[in-house]
């Protein structure tokens, strides 16, 4: 889910998590959108209340209700507008349903709490983590990331000051903030190695790395896959709640790092995603140099942040979000940085 400046790594404060009963969500969508839900169920989320519903016409929707606090409204309105724009351009993202007043973000109150309601089209497809992942699908992930990156390059800028604890350029800081609450010493050691790699290989190049609007969370639950013309395709890109202005190369590095978790050979999996990107877009030499260390960093952020939250109220959610990150991180840390950078450069050269 989304965040604004200053979100800490540990378990979010209980007061920030919005946990509404399903019946309240049902009432919201009836009142604000005129929908008549026939079926409605909770979907696990980090800070917002998220439900899947089916209306009396058989249409499926995702409903996200979050707190209207601080700079959150501007961030949600911007992200929702960008999603609607992408959907209009034919990108595989959910369409946005407007409320009775024509607003894409419905502003209201629930029990005295100001909230923001967004209703999205429910996309069908199999989550990537549940699919059979082969090289063709890995190439498709890279191609999807490149096409999304190109589309987002023309998106309007985000509200000033929008940041996120998962943003790629602050990866080392996020790891170090989470480390004291990580119980497993082996995970801590791997995360420290990734943080050191960031300091050595990414930090000196940050100033020359191109920036653009990035989804920056193309993990294996946010990508839906299906068969199109007999080939595996990415049929849906979900959850734009972390979108912001960031490193362009992070779109590829994040997608490749997460996809590597699903393969028997994480390094080859990462390179297959890179090859798919290279079919659609190129990277600068500086960007090619940081794909591997950024992928390592993201897996370390994932492993440490969710390990730090593993004893909180959403422990099961934390375990699901970090599944398979540690072995993939271990494999990528064993890879030769210079050899991988040379191969990434070859695969993504214009």
Protein backbone atom coordinates (compact mmCIF):
# COMPACT_ATOMS: atom_id res chain seq x y z
CA UNK A 1 0.00 0.00 0.00
CA UNK A 2 1.03 3.61 -0.27
CA UNK A 3 2.99 5.75 2.15
CA UNK A 4 4.11 9.32 2.51
CA UNK A 5 7.22 10.88 3.96
CA UNK A 6 8.51 9.44 7.19
CA UNK A 7 6.89 6.01 7.34
CA UNK A 8 9.02 3.84 9.64
CA UNK A 9 10.14 0.32 8.85
CA UNK A 10 8.77 -1.47 11.93
CA UNK A 11 5.17 -2.56 12.38
CA UNK A 12 2.90 0.40 11.52
CA UNK A 13 1.29 2.05 14.51
CA UNK A 14 -2.05 0.45 15.27
CA UNK A 15 -3.74 3.83 14.92
CA UNK A 16 -2.62 4.13 11.31
CA UNK A 17 -3.99 0.78 10.16
CA UNK A 18 -7.57 1.17 8.96
CA UNK A 19 -9.43 -2.04 9.74
CA UNK A 20 -13.10 -1.69 8.76
CA UNK A 21 -15.74 -4.41 8.97
CA UNK A 22 -16.93 -5.75 5.64
CA UNK A 23 -20.44 -4.45 6.25
CA UNK A 24 -19.17 -0.90 6.59
CA UNK A 25 -17.41 -1.23 3.25
CA UNK A 26 -20.60 -2.60 1.74
CA UNK A 27 -22.46 0.47 3.00
CA UNK A 28 -19.82 2.83 1.62
CA UNK A 29 -19.98 1.48 -1.91
CA UNK A 30 -23.78 1.47 -1.89
CA UNK A 31 -23.94 5.05 -0.68
CA UNK A 32 -21.02 6.56 -2.61
CA UNK A 33 -21.06 4.52 -5.83
CA UNK A 34 -24.56 3.10 -6.15
CA UNK A 35 -23.17 -0.43 -6.27
CA UNK A 36 -25.23 -3.33 -4.96
CA UNK A 37 -22.69 -5.89 -3.71
CA UNK A 38 -23.86 -9.48 -3.85
CA UNK A 39 -20.57 -10.89 -2.59
CA UNK A 40 -17.88 -9.09 -0.64
CA UNK A 41 -14.76 -10.37 1.10
CA UNK A 42 -11.64 -8.99 2.74
CA UNK A 43 -8.28 -9.03 0.96
CA UNK A 44 -5.12 -8.72 3.04
CA UNK A 45 -3.44 -5.31 2.97
CA UNK A 46 -0.84 -3.35 4.88
CA UNK A 47 -2.51 -0.11 5.99
CA UNK A 48 -5.80 0.14 4.11
CA UNK A 49 -8.97 -1.93 4.27
CA UNK A 50 -9.23 -3.78 0.96
CA UNK A 51 -12.20 -5.80 -0.22
CA UNK A 52 -13.13 -7.67 -3.33
CA UNK A 53 -16.78 -7.41 -4.30
CA UNK A 54 -19.08 -8.65 -7.01
CA UNK A 55 -22.18 -6.61 -7.79
CA UNK A 56 -25.60 -7.76 -8.90
CA UNK A 57 -24.52 -7.47 -12.56
CA UNK A 58 -21.64 -9.89 -11.99
CA UNK A 59 -18.96 -7.21 -12.23
CA UNK A 60 -15.90 -7.49 -9.98
CA UNK A 61 -14.27 -4.59 -8.16
CA UNK A 62 -11.48 -3.96 -5.66
CA UNK A 63 -12.37 -1.43 -2.95
CA UNK A 64 -9.59 0.32 -1.04
CA UNK A 65 -10.43 2.47 1.97
CA UNK A 66 -7.55 4.40 3.58
CA UNK A 67 -7.20 7.16 6.12
CA UNK A 68 -7.46 10.74 4.86
CA UNK A 69 -4.58 12.22 6.80
CA UNK A 70 -1.63 14.50 6.17
CA UNK A 71 -0.50 14.43 2.55
CA UNK A 72 -2.24 11.13 1.86
CA UNK A 73 -5.13 12.61 -0.12
CA UNK A 74 -2.89 14.33 -2.67
CA UNK A 75 -0.87 11.13 -3.10
CA UNK A 76 -3.95 8.94 -3.57
CA UNK A 77 -5.53 11.39 -6.01
CA UNK A 78 -2.34 11.57 -8.07
CA UNK A 79 -1.82 7.82 -8.17
CA UNK A 80 -5.45 7.19 -9.07
CA UNK A 81 -5.28 9.75 -11.90
CA UNK A 82 -2.14 8.12 -13.28
CA UNK A 83 -3.78 4.69 -13.16
CA UNK A 84 -6.82 5.98 -15.05
CA UNK A 85 -4.51 7.48 -17.66
CA UNK A 86 -2.60 4.22 -18.06
CA UNK A 87 -5.81 2.23 -18.41
CA UNK A 88 -6.95 4.63 -21.12
CA UNK A 89 -3.67 4.01 -22.96
CA UNK A 90 -4.24 0.25 -23.00
CA UNK A 91 -1.78 -0.68 -20.27
CA UNK A 92 -2.88 -3.82 -18.34
CA UNK A 93 -3.95 -1.91 -15.23
CA UNK A 94 -7.34 -1.72 -13.49
CA UNK A 95 -9.83 0.86 -14.64
CA UNK A 96 -11.14 3.31 -12.03
CA UNK A 97 -14.83 3.63 -11.12
CA UNK A 98 -15.95 7.15 -10.25
CA UNK A 99 -18.41 7.82 -7.43
CA UNK A 100 -21.84 9.44 -7.75
CA UNK A 101 -20.23 12.88 -7.92
CA UNK A 102 -17.83 11.83 -10.68
CA UNK A 103 -14.77 11.70 -8.40
CA UNK A 104 -12.15 8.98 -8.82
CA UNK A 105 -11.29 9.31 -5.12
CA UNK A 106 -14.33 9.51 -2.86
CA UNK A 107 -13.77 11.56 0.30
CA UNK A 108 -16.04 10.76 3.23
CA UNK A 109 -16.15 9.74 6.92
CA UNK A 110 -16.63 6.43 8.68
CA UNK A 111 -17.50 6.70 12.36
CA UNK A 112 -15.91 10.13 12.56
CA UNK A 113 -12.73 9.01 10.77
CA UNK A 114 -12.00 10.81 7.46
CA UNK A 115 -11.34 8.25 4.74
CA UNK A 116 -10.54 7.97 1.05
CA UNK A 117 -12.31 5.37 -1.06
CA UNK A 118 -11.03 4.10 -4.41
CA UNK A 119 -12.91 1.48 -6.43
CA UNK A 120 -10.98 -0.30 -9.16
CA UNK A 121 -11.93 -2.87 -11.76
CA UNK A 122 -11.08 -6.38 -10.54
CA UNK A 123 -8.67 -7.91 -13.05
CA UNK A 124 -8.76 -11.65 -13.54
CA UNK A 125 -5.64 -13.75 -13.87
CA UNK A 126 -3.29 -15.95 -11.90
CA UNK A 127 -0.83 -14.21 -9.55
CA UNK A 128 2.70 -14.68 -10.82
CA UNK A 129 3.74 -16.50 -7.64
CA UNK A 130 1.13 -19.18 -8.38
CA UNK A 131 2.03 -19.58 -12.05
CA UNK A 132 4.47 -21.92 -13.78
CA UNK A 133 7.41 -19.60 -14.41
CA UNK A 134 9.58 -20.33 -17.45
CA UNK A 135 11.98 -18.23 -19.50
CA UNK A 136 9.23 -17.05 -21.83
CA UNK A 137 7.27 -15.65 -18.91
CA UNK A 138 10.39 -14.08 -17.40
CA UNK A 139 11.03 -12.30 -20.70
CA UNK A 140 7.41 -11.15 -20.66
CA UNK A 141 7.87 -9.65 -17.18
CA UNK A 142 10.82 -7.60 -18.39
CA UNK A 143 8.94 -6.46 -21.48
CA UNK A 144 5.94 -5.44 -19.36
CA UNK A 145 8.19 -3.46 -17.02
CA UNK A 146 9.79 -1.64 -19.96
CA UNK A 147 6.45 -0.75 -21.53
CA UNK A 148 5.09 0.47 -18.21
CA UNK A 149 8.23 2.54 -17.68
CA UNK A 150 7.82 4.18 -21.06
CA UNK A 151 4.18 5.00 -20.33
CA UNK A 152 4.98 6.41 -16.89
CA UNK A 153 7.68 8.68 -18.35
CA UNK A 154 4.85 10.90 -19.63
CA UNK A 155 2.88 10.86 -16.37
CA UNK A 156 2.33 14.12 -14.47
CA UNK A 157 4.74 14.67 -11.57
CA UNK A 158 3.76 13.53 -8.07
CA UNK A 159 2.91 15.88 -5.22
CA UNK A 160 6.02 17.52 -3.72
CA UNK A 161 7.83 15.52 -1.07
CA UNK A 162 6.25 12.16 -1.84
CA UNK A 163 8.55 9.35 -0.77
CA UNK A 164 8.37 5.80 0.48
CA UNK A 165 10.35 3.52 2.75
CA UNK A 166 10.79 1.07 -0.17
CA UNK A 167 12.09 3.67 -2.64
CA UNK A 168 15.22 2.31 -4.34
CA UNK A 169 17.61 5.19 -3.67
CA UNK A 170 17.11 4.87 0.10
CA UNK A 171 17.51 1.09 0.20
CA UNK A 172 20.60 1.04 2.42
CA UNK A 173 18.95 3.29 4.98
CA UNK A 174 15.81 1.15 5.06
CA UNK A 175 17.80 -2.04 5.63
CA UNK A 176 19.81 -0.53 8.47
CA UNK A 177 16.68 0.87 10.15
CA UNK A 178 15.01 -2.54 10.12
CA UNK A 179 18.04 -4.65 11.15
CA UNK A 180 17.72 -4.26 14.95
CA UNK A 181 14.29 -5.95 14.81
CA UNK A 182 15.33 -8.86 12.56
CA UNK A 183 15.56 -12.00 14.74
CA UNK A 184 17.45 -14.30 12.36
CA UNK A 185 21.25 -13.74 12.31
CA UNK A 186 21.66 -15.30 8.86
CA UNK A 187 19.12 -12.87 7.39
CA UNK A 188 20.88 -9.99 9.12
CA UNK A 189 24.25 -11.02 7.64
CA UNK A 190 22.86 -11.21 4.12
CA UNK A 191 21.11 -7.88 4.51
CA UNK A 192 24.29 -6.22 5.76
CA UNK A 193 26.13 -7.54 2.69
CA UNK A 194 23.43 -6.09 0.42
CA UNK A 195 23.58 -2.74 2.23
CA UNK A 196 27.35 -2.65 1.86
CA UNK A 197 26.97 -3.44 -1.83
CA UNK A 198 24.56 -0.53 -2.19
CA UNK A 199 27.03 1.82 -0.51
CA UNK A 200 29.86 0.68 -2.79
CA UNK A 201 28.08 0.21 -6.11
CA UNK A 202 24.92 2.35 -6.14
CA UNK A 203 25.41 5.35 -3.86
CA UNK A 204 28.34 6.83 -5.88
CA UNK A 205 26.23 6.73 -9.06
CA UNK A 206 22.90 8.02 -7.76
CA UNK A 207 23.38 11.52 -9.16
CA UNK A 208 23.76 10.26 -12.75
CA UNK A 209 20.95 7.70 -12.75
CA UNK A 210 17.86 8.91 -14.69
CA UNK A 211 14.68 9.44 -12.69
CA UNK A 212 11.06 9.14 -13.73
CA UNK A 213 7.71 8.06 -12.31
CA UNK A 214 7.98 4.39 -11.34
CA UNK A 215 5.52 1.79 -10.08
CA UNK A 216 8.52 0.33 -8.14
CA UNK A 217 6.63 -2.66 -6.73
CA UNK A 218 6.34 -5.20 -9.57
CA UNK A 219 6.49 -8.20 -7.26
CA UNK A 220 4.96 -11.60 -7.84
CA UNK A 221 1.59 -10.77 -6.26
CA UNK A 222 1.20 -7.54 -8.22
CA UNK A 223 1.57 -9.20 -11.62
CA UNK A 224 -1.24 -11.34 -13.03
CA UNK A 225 -0.55 -13.83 -15.82
CA UNK A 226 -2.61 -15.79 -18.31
CA UNK A 227 -2.51 -17.39 -21.74
CA UNK A 228 -2.92 -15.05 -24.70
CA UNK A 229 -2.73 -16.59 -28.18
CA UNK A 230 -1.23 -19.69 -26.61
CA UNK A 231 1.61 -17.85 -24.85
CA UNK A 232 2.02 -16.81 -21.22
CA UNK A 233 1.45 -13.09 -20.85
CA UNK A 234 1.26 -10.53 -18.07
CA UNK A 235 -2.44 -9.68 -18.10
CA UNK A 236 -2.56 -7.35 -15.11
CA UNK A 237 -0.39 -4.91 -13.14
CA UNK A 238 -1.81 -4.16 -9.69
CA UNK A 239 -1.25 -1.91 -6.67
CA UNK A 240 0.09 1.50 -7.60
CA UNK A 241 0.18 2.50 -3.93
CA UNK A 242 3.99 2.81 -3.87
CA UNK A 243 4.29 4.79 -7.12
CA UNK A 244 6.45 7.91 -7.00
CA UNK A 245 9.29 9.71 -8.74
CA UNK A 246 12.31 7.43 -8.49
CA UNK A 247 15.17 5.75 -10.31
CA UNK A 248 14.08 4.60 -13.77
CA UNK A 249 16.22 1.47 -13.50
CA UNK A 250 14.41 0.51 -10.29
CA UNK A 251 11.42 -0.64 -12.37
CA UNK A 252 13.60 -3.33 -13.93
CA UNK A 253 15.68 -4.14 -10.86
CA UNK A 254 12.64 -4.62 -8.62
CA UNK A 255 10.78 -6.78 -11.15
CA UNK A 256 13.87 -8.87 -11.86
CA UNK A 257 14.77 -9.34 -8.20
CA UNK A 258 11.30 -10.52 -7.25
CA UNK A 259 10.97 -12.79 -10.30
CA UNK A 260 14.32 -14.36 -9.41
CA UNK A 261 12.68 -15.70 -6.24
CA UNK A 262 10.49 -17.97 -8.36
CA UNK A 263 13.29 -19.77 -10.19
CA UNK A 264 15.74 -22.54 -9.42
CA UNK A 265 18.56 -20.31 -10.70
CA UNK A 266 17.92 -16.77 -9.40
CA UNK A 267 20.75 -15.17 -11.37
CA UNK A 268 19.55 -16.63 -14.66
CA UNK A 269 16.01 -15.64 -13.75
CA UNK A 270 17.14 -12.06 -13.20
CA UNK A 271 18.97 -12.01 -16.54
CA UNK A 272 15.95 -13.40 -18.36
CA UNK A 273 13.85 -10.50 -17.07
CA UNK A 274 16.61 -8.11 -18.16
CA UNK A 275 16.57 -9.69 -21.63
CA UNK A 276 12.83 -9.03 -21.88
CA UNK A 277 13.38 -5.39 -20.94
CA UNK A 278 16.09 -5.14 -23.59
CA UNK A 279 13.60 -6.10 -26.31
CA UNK A 280 11.68 -2.90 -25.60
CA UNK A 281 14.07 -0.41 -24.05
CA UNK A 282 17.74 0.28 -23.40
CA UNK A 283 19.70 1.19 -20.28
CA UNK A 284 22.57 3.59 -19.86
CA UNK A 285 25.88 2.05 -18.86
CA UNK A 286 25.46 3.49 -15.35
CA UNK A 287 22.01 1.89 -15.07
CA UNK A 288 23.35 -1.47 -16.24
CA UNK A 289 25.96 -1.33 -13.49
CA UNK A 290 23.37 -1.05 -10.71
CA UNK A 291 20.69 -3.57 -11.76
CA UNK A 292 22.22 -6.41 -9.72
CA UNK A 293 23.02 -4.37 -6.57
CA UNK A 294 19.56 -2.76 -6.66
CA UNK A 295 17.89 -6.16 -7.03
CA UNK A 296 19.93 -7.44 -4.08
CA UNK A 297 18.99 -4.36 -2.07
CA UNK A 298 15.28 -4.74 -2.76
CA UNK A 299 15.30 -8.39 -1.68
CA UNK A 300 17.16 -7.37 1.48
CA UNK A 301 14.65 -4.59 2.16
CA UNK A 302 11.84 -7.08 1.67
CA UNK A 303 13.42 -9.67 3.95
CA UNK A 304 14.34 -7.26 6.75
CA UNK A 305 11.24 -5.07 6.83
CA UNK A 306 8.87 -8.03 6.90
CA UNK A 307 11.05 -9.94 9.37
CA UNK A 308 10.92 -6.88 11.63
CA UNK A 309 7.12 -7.05 11.43
CA UNK A 310 6.91 -10.83 11.81
CA UNK A 311 5.61 -10.66 15.38
CA UNK A 312 3.09 -7.90 14.73
CA UNK A 313 -0.62 -8.00 14.08
CA UNK A 314 -0.13 -9.01 10.45
CA UNK A 315 2.51 -11.69 10.85
CA UNK A 316 0.94 -13.99 8.26
CA UNK A 317 0.90 -11.15 5.73
CA UNK A 318 4.55 -10.41 6.50
CA UNK A 319 5.52 -14.05 5.96
CA UNK A 320 3.71 -14.18 2.62
CA UNK A 321 5.30 -10.95 1.39
CA UNK A 322 8.85 -12.13 2.15
CA UNK A 323 8.59 -15.76 1.08
CA UNK A 324 11.71 -16.95 -0.78
CA UNK A 325 13.54 -13.62 -0.54
CA UNK A 326 16.43 -14.92 1.58
CA UNK A 327 17.59 -17.81 -0.66
CA UNK A 328 17.28 -15.63 -3.76
CA UNK A 329 19.28 -12.88 -2.05
CA UNK A 330 21.95 -15.38 -1.07
CA UNK A 331 22.26 -16.56 -4.67
CA UNK A 332 22.46 -13.04 -6.08
CA UNK A 333 25.09 -12.01 -3.52
CA UNK A 334 27.25 -14.90 -4.76
CA UNK A 335 27.14 -13.61 -8.35
CA UNK A 336 30.08 -11.73 -9.86
CA UNK A 337 29.03 -8.08 -9.96
CA UNK A 338 31.22 -7.04 -12.89
CA UNK A 339 30.32 -10.04 -15.04
CA UNK A 340 26.62 -9.50 -14.42
CA UNK A 341 26.91 -5.78 -15.20
CA UNK A 342 28.61 -6.58 -18.50
CA UNK A 343 25.86 -9.04 -19.42
CA UNK A 344 23.10 -6.58 -18.44
CA UNK A 345 24.78 -3.93 -20.58
CA UNK A 346 24.94 -6.34 -23.53
CA UNK A 347 21.27 -7.27 -23.19
CA UNK A 348 20.03 -3.68 -22.87
CA UNK A 349 22.34 -1.82 -25.23
CA UNK A 350 20.47 0.45 -27.66
